[in-house]
Structure formats: structure tokens, C-alpha cells
Amino acid sequence: MIDRQLALTLEKRLKRFPILTLTGPRQSGKSTLLRNYFPEYAYVNLERPDYRHLIMNDPIGFLRSQEKGVIFNERAYISIFGRQDKHKPPFPV
């Protein structure tokens, strides 16, 4: 029930705003909710070094290559969206 209510809220917000952020405690179902309700969106897990490298080298090109929206998971692994939160270098050393 809560998932459905939240999904409806997200859909309404997406009509007004091009970018949304969904935050919450770890392992609470945020990614699952987004992937289930927006299956047409690309899913990018930023824990993967190959995705981080691609986005860091050409962020605008990456975003333009997406036909629909993008779900970014583990945003804290990349600093392009703000400060880097994880205590790890952006790329393997």
C-alpha cells in the first residue's frame, strides 16, 4: 500500500520536475520500488566502476544517450552529483 502511494506521488512529481531524489534507510526497498514502477528507465548502479568511469568521462553524453529516465543507485559512489560520500576513491587504485 505504501509503495503504491509513493509511486503515485513520484509519478505526479515527475510531471513537474525532471529530476527526483528518493532517500531513505538502507535496505528499505527504494531501488526495488523505482525499478518496479519505472521499468522503462535505465538502471545504473554506481557501485560498478565501469558505470562510474563512463559517467565521469562524459556525463552529458551519457544522459543524452538515455531515451527515458535513469535510476541512479548508490549515488554516494560518485562525486559528479555533489560531494563524494563514500570513503573510497572514485576509481579503483
C-alpha atoms as a PDB file:
ATOM      1  CA  MET A   1       0.000   0.000   0.000  1.00  0.00           C
ATOM      2  CA  ILE A   2       2.730   2.482   0.964  1.00  0.00           C
ATOM      3  CA  ASP A   3       4.712   1.548  -2.163  1.00  0.00           C
ATOM      4  CA  ARG A   4       1.698   2.306  -4.361  1.00  0.00           C
ATOM      5  CA  GLN A   5       1.048   5.630  -2.663  1.00  0.00           C
ATOM      6  CA  LEU A   6       4.691   6.606  -3.011  1.00  0.00           C
ATOM      7  CA  ALA A   7       4.753   5.531  -6.667  1.00  0.00           C
ATOM      8  CA  LEU A   8       1.728   7.726  -7.408  1.00  0.00           C
ATOM      9  CA  THR A   9       3.436  10.658  -5.700  1.00  0.00           C
ATOM     10  CA  LEU A  10       6.597  10.066  -7.736  1.00  0.00           C
ATOM     11  CA  GLU A  11       4.616   9.935 -10.980  1.00  0.00           C
ATOM     12  CA  LYS A  12       2.914  13.244 -10.167  1.00  0.00           C
ATOM     13  CA  ARG A  13       6.236  14.877  -9.274  1.00  0.00           C
ATOM     14  CA  LEU A  14       7.862  13.638 -12.487  1.00  0.00           C
ATOM     15  CA  LYS A  15       5.281  15.594 -14.445  1.00  0.00           C
ATOM     16  CA  ARG A  16       6.535  18.786 -12.770  1.00  0.00           C
ATOM     17  CA  PHE A  17      10.233  18.122 -12.175  1.00  0.00           C
ATOM     18  CA  PRO A  18      12.811  16.437 -14.450  1.00  0.00           C
ATOM     19  CA  ILE A  19      14.886  15.083 -11.527  1.00  0.00           C
ATOM     20  CA  LEU A  20      13.735  13.439  -8.317  1.00  0.00           C
ATOM     21  CA  THR A  21      15.653  12.048  -5.375  1.00  0.00           C
ATOM     22  CA  LEU A  22      14.342   9.200  -3.260  1.00  0.00           C
ATOM     23  CA  THR A  23      16.127   8.809   0.050  1.00  0.00           C
ATOM     24  CA  GLY A  24      15.602   6.518   2.972  1.00  0.00           C
ATOM     25  CA  PRO A  25      17.258   3.965   5.220  1.00  0.00           C
ATOM     26  CA  ARG A  26      19.422   1.223   3.769  1.00  0.00           C
ATOM     27  CA  GLN A  27      17.670  -1.916   2.564  1.00  0.00           C
ATOM     28  CA  SER A  28      14.220  -0.304   2.720  1.00  0.00           C
ATOM     29  CA  GLY A  29      13.209  -1.069  -0.893  1.00  0.00           C
ATOM     30  CA  LYS A  30      13.934   2.253  -2.623  1.00  0.00           C
ATOM     31  CA  SER A  31      15.632   0.715  -5.666  1.00  0.00           C
ATOM     32  CA  THR A  32      13.104  -2.098  -5.906  1.00  0.00           C
ATOM     33  CA  LEU A  33      10.232   0.378  -5.834  1.00  0.00           C
ATOM     34  CA  LEU A  34      11.752   2.521  -8.581  1.00  0.00           C
ATOM     35  CA  ARG A  35      12.675  -0.434 -10.787  1.00  0.00           C
ATOM     36  CA  ASN A  36       9.200  -1.945 -10.442  1.00  0.00           C
ATOM     37  CA  TYR A  37       7.254   1.240 -11.134  1.00  0.00           C
ATOM     38  CA  PHE A  38       9.560   2.667 -13.794  1.00  0.00           C
ATOM     39  CA  PRO A  39      10.770  -0.387 -15.771  1.00  0.00           C
ATOM     40  CA  GLU A  40      11.353   1.726 -18.900  1.00  0.00           C
ATOM     41  CA  TYR A  41      14.074   3.693 -17.104  1.00  0.00           C
ATOM     42  CA  ALA A  42      17.712   2.661 -17.370  1.00  0.00           C
ATOM     43  CA  TYR A  43      19.117   1.343 -14.094  1.00  0.00           C
ATOM     44  CA  VAL A  44      22.678   2.432 -13.290  1.00  0.00           C
ATOM     45  CA  ASN A  45      24.351   1.061 -10.177  1.00  0.00           C
ATOM     46  CA  LEU A  46      27.209   3.411  -9.374  1.00  0.00           C
ATOM     47  CA  GLU A  47      28.985   0.770  -7.320  1.00  0.00           C
ATOM     48  CA  ARG A  48      30.155  -0.538 -10.710  1.00  0.00           C
ATOM     49  CA  PRO A  49      33.465   1.051 -11.735  1.00  0.00           C
ATOM     50  CA  ASP A  50      32.577   0.806 -15.451  1.00  0.00           C
ATOM     51  CA  TYR A  51      29.450   2.939 -14.986  1.00  0.00           C
ATOM     52  CA  ARG A  52      31.341   5.455 -12.849  1.00  0.00           C
ATOM     53  CA  HIS A  53      34.076   5.721 -15.453  1.00  0.00           C
ATOM     54  CA  LEU A  54      31.579   6.208 -18.278  1.00  0.00           C
ATOM     55  CA  ILE A  55      29.671   8.926 -16.432  1.00  0.00           C
ATOM     56  CA  MET A  56      32.771  10.721 -15.163  1.00  0.00           C
ATOM     57  CA  ASN A  57      34.280  10.871 -18.675  1.00  0.00           C
ATOM     58  CA  ASP A  58      31.183  12.133 -20.476  1.00  0.00           C
ATOM     59  CA  PRO A  59      28.258  12.885 -18.138  1.00  0.00           C
ATOM     60  CA  ILE A  60      26.293  14.943 -20.652  1.00  0.00           C
ATOM     61  CA  GLY A  61      26.788  12.398 -23.421  1.00  0.00           C
ATOM     62  CA  PHE A  62      25.683   9.634 -21.080  1.00  0.00           C
ATOM     63  CA  LEU A  63      22.498  11.453 -20.093  1.00  0.00           C
ATOM     64  CA  ARG A  64      21.692  12.358 -23.698  1.00  0.00           C
ATOM     65  CA  SER A  65      22.054   8.715 -24.701  1.00  0.00           C
ATOM     66  CA  GLN A  66      19.170   7.736 -22.417  1.00  0.00           C
ATOM     67  CA  GLU A  67      15.813   7.686 -24.173  1.00  0.00           C
ATOM     68  CA  LYS A  68      13.783   7.621 -20.981  1.00  0.00           C
ATOM     69  CA  GLY A  69      14.732   8.380 -17.418  1.00  0.00           C
ATOM     70  CA  VAL A  70      17.599   6.949 -15.424  1.00  0.00           C
ATOM     71  CA  ILE A  71      17.583   5.424 -11.964  1.00  0.00           C
ATOM     72  CA  PHE A  72      20.932   6.010 -10.276  1.00  0.00           C
ATOM     73  CA  ASN A  73      21.615   3.676  -7.389  1.00  0.00           C
ATOM     74  CA  GLU A  74      24.411   4.227  -4.870  1.00  0.00           C
ATOM     75  CA  ARG A  75      24.829   7.889  -5.791  1.00  0.00           C
ATOM     76  CA  ALA A  76      27.319   8.293  -2.961  1.00  0.00           C
ATOM     77  CA  TYR A  77      29.967   6.494  -5.035  1.00  0.00           C
ATOM     78  CA  ILE A  78      30.335   9.373  -7.476  1.00  0.00           C
ATOM     79  CA  SER A  79      31.137  12.998  -6.881  1.00  0.00           C
ATOM     80  CA  ILE A  80      29.657  14.438 -10.079  1.00  0.00           C
ATOM     81  CA  PHE A  81      26.304  14.804  -8.294  1.00  0.00           C
ATOM     82  CA  GLY A  82      27.809  16.608  -5.325  1.00  0.00           C
ATOM     83  CA  ARG A  83      30.373  15.649  -2.759  1.00  0.00           C
ATOM     84  CA  GLN A  84      31.539  12.062  -2.659  1.00  0.00           C
ATOM     85  CA  ASP A  85      30.108  10.475   0.474  1.00  0.00           C
ATOM     86  CA  LYS A  86      31.791   7.084   0.457  1.00  0.00           C
ATOM     87  CA  HIS A  87      35.290   6.941   1.847  1.00  0.00           C
ATOM     88  CA  LYS A  88      36.626   5.398  -1.330  1.00  0.00           C
ATOM     89  CA  PRO A  89      38.388   6.822  -4.340  1.00  0.00           C
ATOM     90  CA  PRO A  90      36.119   7.337  -7.356  1.00  0.00           C
ATOM     91  CA  PHE A  91      38.040   4.670  -9.287  1.00  0.00           C
ATOM     92  CA  PRO A  92      39.974   1.600  -8.149  1.00  0.00           C
ATOM     93  CA  VAL A  93      43.561   2.499  -7.314  1.00  0.00           C
END
